N, C-alpha and C. Protein backbone atom coordinates (compact mmCIF):
# COMPACT_ATOMS: atom_id res chain seq x y z
N MET A 1 151.34 125.82 -20.11
CA MET A 1 151.82 126.68 -20.81
C MET A 1 151.13 128.35 -20.89
N ARG A 2 149.94 128.26 -20.00
CA ARG A 2 149.67 129.68 -19.44
C ARG A 2 150.77 129.90 -18.69
N ARG A 3 151.40 129.68 -17.87
CA ARG A 3 152.21 130.00 -16.73
C ARG A 3 153.36 130.58 -17.46
N PHE A 4 154.03 129.61 -18.51
CA PHE A 4 155.09 129.93 -18.93
C PHE A 4 154.87 131.29 -20.10
N VAL A 5 153.68 131.59 -20.52
CA VAL A 5 153.45 132.97 -21.09
C VAL A 5 153.55 133.57 -20.62
N ALA A 6 152.90 133.63 -18.93
CA ALA A 6 152.44 134.95 -18.03
C ALA A 6 154.06 135.30 -17.57
N PHE A 7 154.63 134.21 -17.18
CA PHE A 7 156.41 134.25 -16.61
C PHE A 7 156.74 135.49 -17.63
N SER A 8 156.91 134.77 -19.08
CA SER A 8 157.84 135.32 -19.96
C SER A 8 157.20 136.77 -20.27
N LEU A 9 156.06 137.18 -19.98
CA LEU A 9 155.34 138.21 -20.45
C LEU A 9 156.07 139.50 -19.02
N ALA A 10 155.67 138.73 -17.98
CA ALA A 10 156.25 139.40 -16.75
C ALA A 10 157.81 139.72 -16.57
N ALA A 11 158.53 138.88 -17.18
CA ALA A 11 159.60 138.94 -17.54
C ALA A 11 160.20 140.43 -18.37
N LEU A 12 159.52 140.16 -19.51
CA LEU A 12 160.06 140.91 -20.71
C LEU A 12 159.34 142.36 -19.78
N ALA A 13 158.27 142.37 -19.37
CA ALA A 13 157.80 143.71 -18.96
C ALA A 13 159.01 144.34 -17.77
N LEU A 14 159.47 143.38 -17.07
CA LEU A 14 160.79 143.83 -15.93
C LEU A 14 161.62 144.15 -16.84
N LEU A 15 162.26 143.24 -18.03
CA LEU A 15 163.19 143.53 -18.84
C LEU A 15 163.12 145.50 -19.37
N ALA A 16 161.90 145.31 -19.98
CA ALA A 16 161.57 146.88 -20.46
C ALA A 16 161.58 147.70 -19.35
N ALA A 17 161.21 147.34 -18.42
CA ALA A 17 161.25 148.68 -17.12
C ALA A 17 162.78 149.03 -16.96
N PHE A 18 163.69 147.82 -17.39
CA PHE A 18 165.23 148.54 -16.60
C PHE A 18 165.68 148.95 -17.74
N ALA A 19 165.29 148.59 -18.98
CA ALA A 19 166.00 149.07 -19.87
C ALA A 19 165.49 150.43 -20.73
N LEU A 20 164.40 150.90 -20.30
CA LEU A 20 163.94 152.00 -20.82
C LEU A 20 164.86 153.12 -19.95
N PRO A 21 165.21 153.07 -18.65
CA PRO A 21 165.72 153.94 -17.80
C PRO A 21 167.29 154.03 -18.63
N ALA A 22 167.81 153.28 -19.07
CA ALA A 22 169.20 153.08 -19.45
C ALA A 22 168.97 153.91 -20.79
N ALA A 23 168.04 153.68 -21.54
CA ALA A 23 167.81 154.35 -23.09
C ALA A 23 167.71 155.79 -22.86
N ALA A 24 166.78 156.15 -21.80
CA ALA A 24 166.55 157.42 -21.41
C ALA A 24 167.77 158.44 -21.10
N ARG A 25 168.99 157.44 -20.83
CA ARG A 25 170.08 158.21 -19.98
C ARG A 25 170.83 158.74 -21.47
N GLN A 26 170.59 158.27 -22.66
CA GLN A 26 171.29 158.71 -23.81
C GLN A 26 170.69 159.56 -24.60
N LEU A 27 171.58 160.10 -25.18
CA LEU A 27 171.28 161.18 -26.13
C LEU A 27 171.64 160.75 -27.51
N ALA A 28 170.89 161.16 -28.56
CA ALA A 28 170.92 160.32 -29.68
C ALA A 28 172.30 161.05 -30.47
N ALA A 29 173.13 160.28 -31.26
CA ALA A 29 174.55 160.91 -31.72
C ALA A 29 174.11 162.15 -32.96
N PRO A 30 174.99 162.91 -32.78
CA PRO A 30 174.87 163.82 -33.77
C PRO A 30 174.84 163.31 -35.05
N LYS A 31 174.38 163.76 -36.15
CA LYS A 31 174.56 163.65 -37.48
C LYS A 31 175.51 164.29 -38.52
N SER A 32 175.36 165.46 -38.06
CA SER A 32 176.64 166.54 -38.90
C SER A 32 177.53 167.20 -37.62
N THR A 33 178.31 168.31 -38.32
CA THR A 33 179.14 168.68 -37.50
C THR A 33 178.46 169.16 -36.14
N VAL A 34 179.48 169.12 -34.75
CA VAL A 34 178.89 169.38 -33.52
C VAL A 34 179.25 170.58 -33.42
N LEU A 35 178.36 171.41 -33.06
CA LEU A 35 178.47 172.74 -32.79
C LEU A 35 178.64 173.34 -31.27
N VAL A 36 178.32 172.35 -30.51
CA VAL A 36 178.21 172.62 -28.69
C VAL A 36 178.68 171.10 -28.24
N THR A 37 179.38 171.26 -27.02
CA THR A 37 179.72 169.93 -26.49
C THR A 37 179.57 170.34 -25.06
N VAL A 38 178.31 169.55 -24.18
CA VAL A 38 177.95 169.81 -22.82
C VAL A 38 178.82 168.92 -22.26
N ILE A 39 179.90 169.20 -21.02
CA ILE A 39 180.82 168.27 -20.44
C ILE A 39 180.31 168.74 -18.93
N GLY A 40 180.98 167.82 -18.06
CA GLY A 40 181.04 168.05 -16.55
C GLY A 40 179.84 166.82 -16.33
N ASN A 41 178.94 167.51 -15.66
CA ASN A 41 177.71 166.66 -14.68
C ASN A 41 176.84 166.23 -15.91
N VAL A 42 177.24 165.50 -16.35
CA VAL A 42 176.29 165.08 -17.84
C VAL A 42 175.62 163.54 -17.43
N THR A 43 174.26 163.37 -17.53
CA THR A 43 173.86 162.05 -17.52
C THR A 43 173.27 161.24 -18.83
N LYS A 44 173.35 162.32 -19.89
CA LYS A 44 172.64 161.89 -21.07
C LYS A 44 173.84 161.82 -22.13
N ALA A 45 174.89 161.03 -22.16
CA ALA A 45 176.11 161.35 -22.96
C ALA A 45 175.91 160.29 -24.20
N ASN A 46 176.48 161.17 -25.33
CA ASN A 46 176.58 160.54 -26.64
C ASN A 46 177.85 160.72 -26.90
N ARG A 47 178.71 160.70 -26.39
CA ARG A 47 180.07 160.37 -26.55
C ARG A 47 180.99 160.18 -25.70
N GLY A 48 181.82 159.70 -25.76
CA GLY A 48 183.00 159.34 -24.74
C GLY A 48 183.90 160.37 -24.12
N ALA A 49 184.74 159.79 -23.27
CA ALA A 49 185.74 160.64 -22.66
C ALA A 49 186.61 161.38 -23.80
N TYR A 50 187.41 162.51 -23.20
CA TYR A 50 188.10 163.46 -24.09
C TYR A 50 189.45 162.41 -24.56
N ASP A 51 189.65 162.60 -25.52
CA ASP A 51 190.76 161.84 -26.51
C ASP A 51 191.46 162.89 -26.87
N GLU A 52 192.94 162.74 -26.25
CA GLU A 52 194.21 163.59 -26.49
C GLU A 52 194.34 163.96 -28.10
N ALA A 53 193.98 162.90 -28.80
CA ALA A 53 194.45 162.97 -30.11
C ALA A 53 193.56 163.42 -31.03
N ARG A 54 192.16 163.15 -30.87
CA ARG A 54 190.71 163.66 -31.47
C ARG A 54 190.73 164.87 -31.04
N ASP A 55 190.68 165.26 -29.82
CA ASP A 55 190.00 166.75 -29.50
C ASP A 55 190.98 167.70 -29.29
N VAL A 56 191.35 168.18 -30.36
CA VAL A 56 192.49 169.00 -30.48
C VAL A 56 191.94 170.62 -29.79
N TYR A 57 190.57 170.62 -29.90
CA TYR A 57 190.23 171.99 -29.58
C TYR A 57 190.25 171.73 -27.61
N PHE A 58 189.82 170.91 -27.41
CA PHE A 58 189.73 170.66 -26.04
C PHE A 58 191.20 170.60 -25.42
N LYS A 59 192.14 169.80 -26.11
CA LYS A 59 193.31 169.79 -25.47
C LYS A 59 193.87 171.23 -25.62
N HIS A 60 193.84 171.98 -26.42
CA HIS A 60 194.57 173.03 -26.67
C HIS A 60 194.18 174.31 -25.28
N LEU A 61 192.71 173.91 -24.90
CA LEU A 61 192.19 174.84 -24.02
C LEU A 61 192.20 174.00 -22.28
N ASN A 62 193.11 172.85 -22.47
CA ASN A 62 192.97 172.15 -21.39
C ASN A 62 191.69 171.71 -20.55
N ILE A 63 190.81 171.28 -21.64
CA ILE A 63 189.53 171.10 -21.05
C ILE A 63 189.30 169.31 -21.07
N PRO A 64 189.71 168.63 -20.66
CA PRO A 64 189.43 167.29 -20.50
C PRO A 64 187.99 166.90 -19.88
N PHE A 65 187.60 165.89 -20.17
CA PHE A 65 186.13 165.06 -19.90
C PHE A 65 186.27 163.39 -19.55
N THR A 66 185.06 163.24 -18.95
CA THR A 66 184.94 161.93 -18.94
C THR A 66 183.81 161.44 -19.95
N ARG A 67 182.95 162.19 -20.08
CA ARG A 67 181.81 161.94 -21.19
C ARG A 67 181.06 163.35 -21.43
N ALA A 68 180.60 163.18 -22.71
CA ALA A 68 179.87 164.63 -23.21
C ALA A 68 178.68 164.37 -23.61
N ALA A 69 177.76 165.11 -23.73
CA ALA A 69 176.78 165.45 -24.84
C ALA A 69 176.97 166.15 -26.09
N ALA A 70 177.26 165.92 -27.10
CA ALA A 70 177.68 166.72 -28.56
C ALA A 70 176.52 166.71 -29.17
N PHE A 71 176.20 168.16 -29.26
CA PHE A 71 174.81 168.75 -30.15
C PHE A 71 175.18 169.33 -31.32
N ASP A 72 174.46 168.98 -32.63
CA ASP A 72 174.97 169.26 -34.02
C ASP A 72 173.47 170.53 -34.29
N HIS A 73 173.36 171.39 -35.12
CA HIS A 73 172.43 172.23 -35.47
C HIS A 73 171.13 171.33 -35.41
N ALA A 74 170.99 170.63 -36.35
CA ALA A 74 169.54 169.94 -36.14
C ALA A 74 169.07 169.37 -34.83
N MET A 75 170.06 169.08 -33.69
CA MET A 75 169.61 168.68 -32.42
C MET A 75 169.14 169.63 -31.68
N LEU A 76 170.04 170.90 -31.81
CA LEU A 76 169.41 171.99 -31.12
C LEU A 76 168.26 172.64 -31.73
N SER A 77 168.22 172.83 -33.07
CA SER A 77 166.78 173.05 -33.58
C SER A 77 165.58 172.49 -33.34
N ALA A 78 165.89 171.19 -32.90
CA ALA A 78 164.80 170.10 -32.70
C ALA A 78 164.31 170.79 -31.09
N LEU A 79 164.89 171.15 -30.24
CA LEU A 79 164.25 171.67 -29.07
C LEU A 79 163.52 172.67 -29.50
N LYS A 80 162.65 173.13 -28.26
CA LYS A 80 161.36 174.20 -28.55
C LYS A 80 162.62 175.23 -28.64
N GLN A 81 162.21 175.86 -29.42
CA GLN A 81 162.71 177.61 -30.28
C GLN A 81 162.01 178.65 -28.98
N HIS A 82 162.60 179.58 -28.67
CA HIS A 82 162.46 180.59 -28.14
C HIS A 82 162.78 181.93 -28.78
N THR A 83 162.03 183.08 -29.02
CA THR A 83 162.35 184.39 -29.75
C THR A 83 162.75 185.26 -28.53
N VAL A 84 163.90 186.10 -28.41
CA VAL A 84 163.97 187.14 -27.29
C VAL A 84 164.20 188.46 -27.93
N ARG A 85 164.00 189.18 -27.29
CA ARG A 85 164.33 190.63 -27.76
C ARG A 85 165.64 191.02 -27.04
N THR A 86 166.61 192.03 -27.61
CA THR A 86 167.61 192.30 -26.80
C THR A 86 167.96 193.38 -27.63
N ASP A 87 169.06 194.11 -26.91
CA ASP A 87 169.98 195.58 -27.35
C ASP A 87 171.18 195.11 -26.61
N PHE A 88 172.27 196.05 -27.02
CA PHE A 88 173.44 195.84 -26.33
C PHE A 88 174.06 196.91 -25.30
N SER A 89 174.90 196.48 -24.77
CA SER A 89 175.20 197.81 -23.80
C SER A 89 175.89 198.96 -24.32
N VAL A 90 176.32 198.81 -25.29
CA VAL A 90 177.19 199.88 -26.36
C VAL A 90 176.48 200.40 -27.37
N GLY A 91 175.17 200.02 -27.12
CA GLY A 91 173.81 200.58 -27.84
C GLY A 91 173.56 199.84 -29.14
N GLY A 92 172.73 200.77 -29.81
CA GLY A 92 172.19 200.05 -31.21
C GLY A 92 170.67 199.68 -31.05
N LYS A 93 169.81 199.49 -32.02
CA LYS A 93 168.37 198.89 -32.27
C LYS A 93 168.65 197.53 -31.23
N VAL A 94 167.25 197.48 -31.07
CA VAL A 94 166.63 195.97 -30.33
C VAL A 94 166.52 195.05 -31.35
N ARG A 95 167.08 193.83 -31.40
CA ARG A 95 167.15 192.69 -32.41
C ARG A 95 166.41 191.58 -31.56
N SER A 96 165.65 190.78 -32.67
CA SER A 96 165.63 189.33 -32.15
C SER A 96 166.34 188.31 -32.30
N PHE A 97 166.31 187.47 -31.44
CA PHE A 97 167.20 185.97 -31.43
C PHE A 97 166.29 185.11 -30.93
N SER A 98 166.44 183.82 -31.88
CA SER A 98 165.91 182.92 -31.50
C SER A 98 166.75 181.49 -31.34
N GLY A 99 166.34 180.57 -30.68
CA GLY A 99 167.28 179.50 -30.50
C GLY A 99 166.61 178.81 -29.23
N PRO A 100 167.09 177.33 -28.70
CA PRO A 100 166.41 176.72 -27.69
C PRO A 100 167.03 177.69 -26.02
N LEU A 101 166.09 177.42 -25.21
CA LEU A 101 166.47 177.99 -23.62
C LEU A 101 167.72 177.38 -23.60
N LEU A 102 168.53 177.81 -22.98
CA LEU A 102 169.94 177.03 -22.42
C LEU A 102 169.63 176.35 -21.57
N ALA A 103 168.90 176.30 -20.73
CA ALA A 103 168.54 175.33 -19.78
C ALA A 103 167.80 174.11 -20.33
N ASP A 104 167.31 174.22 -21.58
CA ASP A 104 166.69 173.16 -22.01
C ASP A 104 167.87 172.50 -22.86
N VAL A 105 169.18 173.01 -23.40
CA VAL A 105 170.00 172.30 -23.75
C VAL A 105 170.95 171.41 -22.58
N LEU A 106 170.96 172.24 -21.59
CA LEU A 106 171.37 171.45 -20.57
C LEU A 106 170.69 170.08 -19.73
N ALA A 107 169.35 170.24 -19.94
CA ALA A 107 168.40 169.51 -19.72
C ALA A 107 168.52 168.01 -20.71
N ALA A 108 168.82 168.62 -21.66
CA ALA A 108 168.77 167.45 -22.76
C ALA A 108 170.08 166.59 -22.48
N ALA A 109 171.06 167.38 -22.03
CA ALA A 109 172.44 166.71 -21.96
C ALA A 109 172.35 165.71 -20.27
N GLY A 110 171.20 166.35 -19.71
CA GLY A 110 171.26 165.56 -18.26
C GLY A 110 172.09 166.25 -17.28
N ALA A 111 172.46 167.63 -17.68
CA ALA A 111 173.61 167.90 -17.00
C ALA A 111 172.60 168.70 -15.79
N SER A 112 173.46 168.75 -14.47
CA SER A 112 173.23 169.13 -13.29
C SER A 112 174.43 170.10 -12.49
N GLY A 113 173.96 170.93 -11.98
CA GLY A 113 175.18 171.90 -11.17
C GLY A 113 174.74 173.35 -10.99
N THR A 114 175.43 174.06 -10.43
CA THR A 114 175.11 175.27 -10.24
C THR A 114 175.95 176.32 -11.21
N THR A 115 176.83 175.99 -11.65
CA THR A 115 177.77 176.80 -12.71
C THR A 115 177.59 176.34 -14.13
N ALA A 116 177.76 176.96 -14.91
CA ALA A 116 177.96 176.54 -16.58
C ALA A 116 178.95 177.60 -17.00
N THR A 117 180.36 176.74 -17.08
CA THR A 117 181.40 177.46 -17.80
C THR A 117 181.14 177.42 -19.46
N ILE A 118 180.70 178.69 -20.10
CA ILE A 118 180.55 178.66 -20.97
C ILE A 118 181.80 179.00 -22.33
N THR A 119 182.20 178.48 -22.96
CA THR A 119 183.69 178.60 -23.68
C THR A 119 183.32 178.85 -25.26
N ALA A 120 184.09 179.88 -25.57
CA ALA A 120 184.02 180.14 -27.10
C ALA A 120 185.17 179.21 -27.87
N LEU A 121 185.37 179.39 -29.23
CA LEU A 121 185.71 178.64 -29.69
C LEU A 121 187.18 179.16 -29.64
N ASP A 122 187.29 180.58 -29.50
CA ASP A 122 188.50 181.08 -29.25
C ASP A 122 189.24 180.91 -28.01
N GLY A 123 188.40 180.32 -26.83
CA GLY A 123 189.09 180.02 -25.66
C GLY A 123 188.30 181.21 -24.63
N TYR A 124 187.90 181.86 -25.26
CA TYR A 124 187.04 183.28 -24.09
C TYR A 124 186.17 182.15 -23.33
N ALA A 125 185.98 182.53 -22.03
CA ALA A 125 184.88 181.50 -21.24
C ALA A 125 184.37 182.80 -20.12
N ALA A 126 183.14 182.28 -19.75
CA ALA A 126 182.44 183.17 -18.78
C ALA A 126 181.65 182.07 -18.27
N GLU A 127 181.68 182.43 -16.45
CA GLU A 127 181.02 181.35 -15.88
C GLU A 127 179.60 181.85 -15.68
N LEU A 128 178.77 181.35 -15.43
CA LEU A 128 177.23 181.87 -15.32
C LEU A 128 176.58 180.80 -14.10
N PRO A 129 175.97 181.55 -13.20
CA PRO A 129 175.04 180.58 -12.52
C PRO A 129 174.00 179.95 -13.26
N VAL A 130 173.65 178.58 -13.08
CA VAL A 130 172.50 177.86 -13.61
C VAL A 130 171.28 178.84 -13.36
N ALA A 131 171.27 179.27 -12.25
CA ALA A 131 169.92 180.01 -11.64
C ALA A 131 169.53 181.04 -12.38
N ASP A 132 170.83 181.82 -12.78
CA ASP A 132 170.59 183.04 -13.55
C ASP A 132 170.10 182.24 -15.20
N ILE A 133 170.48 181.45 -15.49
CA ILE A 133 170.29 180.67 -16.83
C ILE A 133 168.82 180.46 -17.05
N VAL A 134 168.22 180.30 -15.62
CA VAL A 134 166.92 179.62 -15.84
C VAL A 134 166.03 181.10 -15.70
N LYS A 135 166.60 181.85 -14.58
CA LYS A 135 165.74 182.91 -13.97
C LYS A 135 165.27 183.75 -15.23
N PHE A 136 166.29 184.19 -16.16
CA PHE A 136 166.31 184.84 -17.17
C PHE A 136 165.88 184.46 -18.66
N GLY A 137 165.77 183.00 -18.69
CA GLY A 137 165.33 182.61 -19.76
C GLY A 137 166.32 182.72 -21.07
N VAL A 138 167.68 182.75 -20.47
CA VAL A 138 168.66 182.66 -21.26
C VAL A 138 168.83 181.77 -22.70
N ILE A 139 168.61 182.15 -23.73
CA ILE A 139 168.74 181.51 -24.78
C ILE A 139 170.18 180.77 -25.37
N LEU A 140 170.44 179.73 -26.32
CA LEU A 140 171.76 179.72 -26.88
C LEU A 140 171.00 179.99 -28.48
N ALA A 141 171.30 181.22 -28.69
CA ALA A 141 170.84 181.57 -29.87
C ALA A 141 171.61 181.12 -31.33
N LEU A 142 170.25 180.60 -32.31
CA LEU A 142 171.06 179.91 -33.81
C LEU A 142 170.96 181.18 -34.77
N ALA A 143 169.97 181.90 -34.36
CA ALA A 143 169.76 183.26 -35.43
C ALA A 143 169.46 184.46 -34.82
N GLU A 144 169.67 185.53 -35.75
CA GLU A 144 169.31 186.87 -35.46
C GLU A 144 168.36 187.51 -36.35
N ASP A 145 167.24 188.00 -36.14
CA ASP A 145 166.19 188.31 -36.89
C ASP A 145 165.88 187.29 -38.13
N GLY A 146 165.68 185.92 -37.58
CA GLY A 146 165.33 185.05 -38.36
C GLY A 146 166.37 184.50 -39.28
N LYS A 147 167.86 185.20 -39.45
CA LYS A 147 168.66 185.00 -40.26
C LYS A 147 169.78 183.61 -39.38
N PRO A 148 169.91 182.44 -39.76
CA PRO A 148 170.82 181.52 -39.16
C PRO A 148 172.33 182.23 -38.71
N PHE A 149 172.93 182.37 -37.70
CA PHE A 149 174.38 182.56 -37.85
C PHE A 149 175.31 181.82 -38.46
N GLY A 150 176.33 182.25 -39.14
CA GLY A 150 177.64 181.66 -39.62
C GLY A 150 178.74 182.09 -38.51
N ILE A 151 179.73 181.37 -38.77
CA ILE A 151 180.76 181.58 -38.33
C ILE A 151 181.47 182.87 -38.68
N GLY A 152 181.59 183.93 -37.81
CA GLY A 152 182.23 185.27 -38.22
C GLY A 152 181.01 186.45 -38.01
N ASP A 153 179.92 186.02 -37.64
CA ASP A 153 178.97 186.79 -37.50
C ASP A 153 178.39 186.19 -36.17
N TYR A 154 179.09 186.33 -35.15
CA TYR A 154 178.80 185.83 -33.80
C TYR A 154 178.39 184.15 -33.89
N GLY A 155 178.09 183.37 -34.51
CA GLY A 155 177.71 181.78 -34.78
C GLY A 155 178.81 180.97 -34.98
N PRO A 156 178.21 179.78 -34.61
CA PRO A 156 176.40 179.27 -35.28
C PRO A 156 175.89 179.51 -33.94
N THR A 157 176.57 179.60 -32.67
CA THR A 157 175.75 179.54 -31.37
C THR A 157 176.07 180.80 -30.83
N TRP A 158 175.39 181.51 -29.86
CA TRP A 158 175.49 182.91 -29.12
C TRP A 158 174.55 182.73 -27.99
N VAL A 159 175.13 182.69 -26.80
CA VAL A 159 174.27 183.15 -25.38
C VAL A 159 173.99 184.42 -25.50
N ILE A 160 172.45 184.54 -25.37
CA ILE A 160 171.76 185.83 -25.43
C ILE A 160 170.84 185.78 -24.29
N PHE A 161 171.04 187.03 -23.66
CA PHE A 161 169.98 187.48 -22.21
C PHE A 161 169.00 188.30 -23.03
N PRO A 162 167.46 188.08 -22.70
CA PRO A 162 166.64 188.96 -23.09
C PRO A 162 166.58 190.24 -22.38
N ARG A 163 167.47 191.34 -22.68
CA ARG A 163 167.78 192.43 -21.69
C ARG A 163 166.60 193.38 -22.32
N ALA A 164 165.92 193.59 -23.55
CA ALA A 164 165.17 194.32 -24.11
C ALA A 164 163.59 193.91 -23.29
N ASP A 165 163.26 192.34 -22.86
CA ASP A 165 162.31 192.13 -22.25
C ASP A 165 162.28 191.97 -20.88
N ASP A 166 163.50 192.20 -20.25
CA ASP A 166 163.55 191.99 -18.59
C ASP A 166 164.25 193.21 -18.25
N PRO A 167 163.72 193.75 -17.61
CA PRO A 167 164.38 195.26 -16.78
C PRO A 167 165.59 195.15 -15.94
N ALA A 168 165.14 193.70 -15.47
CA ALA A 168 166.28 193.41 -14.20
C ALA A 168 167.68 193.06 -15.19
N LEU A 169 167.76 192.85 -16.33
CA LEU A 169 169.03 192.72 -17.02
C LEU A 169 169.52 194.11 -17.65
N ARG A 170 168.91 195.04 -17.57
CA ARG A 170 169.50 196.43 -17.78
C ARG A 170 170.55 196.92 -17.06
N GLY A 171 171.68 197.14 -17.74
CA GLY A 171 172.58 198.00 -16.71
C GLY A 171 173.78 196.58 -16.37
N ARG A 172 173.62 195.23 -16.46
CA ARG A 172 174.32 194.38 -16.44
C ARG A 172 175.61 194.45 -17.79
N ASN A 173 176.40 194.22 -17.26
CA ASN A 173 177.48 193.69 -18.75
C ASN A 173 177.29 192.77 -19.36
N ASP A 174 177.71 192.55 -20.29
CA ASP A 174 177.71 191.59 -21.50
C ASP A 174 178.64 190.56 -21.38
N ASP A 175 179.92 190.32 -19.94
CA ASP A 175 180.66 189.19 -20.07
C ASP A 175 179.78 187.89 -20.69
N GLY A 176 178.73 187.74 -19.99
CA GLY A 176 178.23 186.14 -20.25
C GLY A 176 177.82 185.95 -21.88
N TRP A 177 177.49 186.99 -22.33
CA TRP A 177 177.16 187.02 -23.91
C TRP A 177 178.06 186.30 -24.58
N VAL A 178 178.55 185.07 -24.46
CA VAL A 178 179.76 184.26 -25.16
C VAL A 178 179.04 183.86 -26.70
N TRP A 179 179.85 184.33 -27.80
CA TRP A 179 179.57 183.96 -29.05
C TRP A 179 180.37 182.95 -29.53
N VAL A 180 180.18 182.28 -30.88
CA VAL A 180 180.74 181.11 -31.27
C VAL A 180 181.12 179.84 -30.33
N VAL A 181 179.82 179.76 -29.32
CA VAL A 181 179.92 178.85 -28.38
C VAL A 181 180.77 177.44 -28.61
N ALA A 182 181.47 176.63 -28.07
CA ALA A 182 181.73 175.50 -28.41
C ALA A 182 181.43 174.44 -27.38
N SER A 183 181.86 175.00 -26.23
CA SER A 183 181.57 173.75 -24.87
C SER A 183 180.81 174.62 -23.60
N ILE A 184 180.46 173.66 -23.05
CA ILE A 184 179.63 174.16 -21.83
C ILE A 184 180.16 173.07 -20.61
N ALA A 185 180.75 173.76 -19.44
CA ALA A 185 180.91 172.92 -18.63
C ALA A 185 180.07 173.13 -17.27
N VAL A 186 179.27 171.94 -17.09
CA VAL A 186 178.36 172.02 -15.95
C VAL A 186 179.22 171.53 -14.66
N LYS A 187 179.28 172.10 -13.67
CA LYS A 187 179.55 171.58 -12.21
C LYS A 187 178.79 172.57 -11.14
């Protein structure tokens, strides 16, 4: 009987060891409206492949995918939040923006690659080197000066570089500052 119990415990431990990595590869399903979908080299998917009948946005922009990580506001808010200060190349006062690091969003999706193509709801897209996303601490802002974004005021998600905090960012154009971010393709 002891051998059976010992064998059963060993088998259970082995099963748990293999089951844990499979569970770790998955991302919880969003419970509300999806704001951002990460596609491309994604290992922690929480939704299946592009569905031409269902994914009208992706169909319109011709962005097919085989698996994706979809994030709602709560999922993005659950990631560690960062606040950065920035101004705009056209002038204006320095403002504070808060949200998760874009690198943390990519990590939560298990995304890997050298470039991230960030696409807005209107189809505007910018390709950013993942190395710059990490190096400069780029955030996926959910709020400006403590006020959450809505659609129509650059949100609900906006790629923000901490230009006021990092002299290396001064003088760079704002092409990568995509607002109303809907998808991020990592390759």
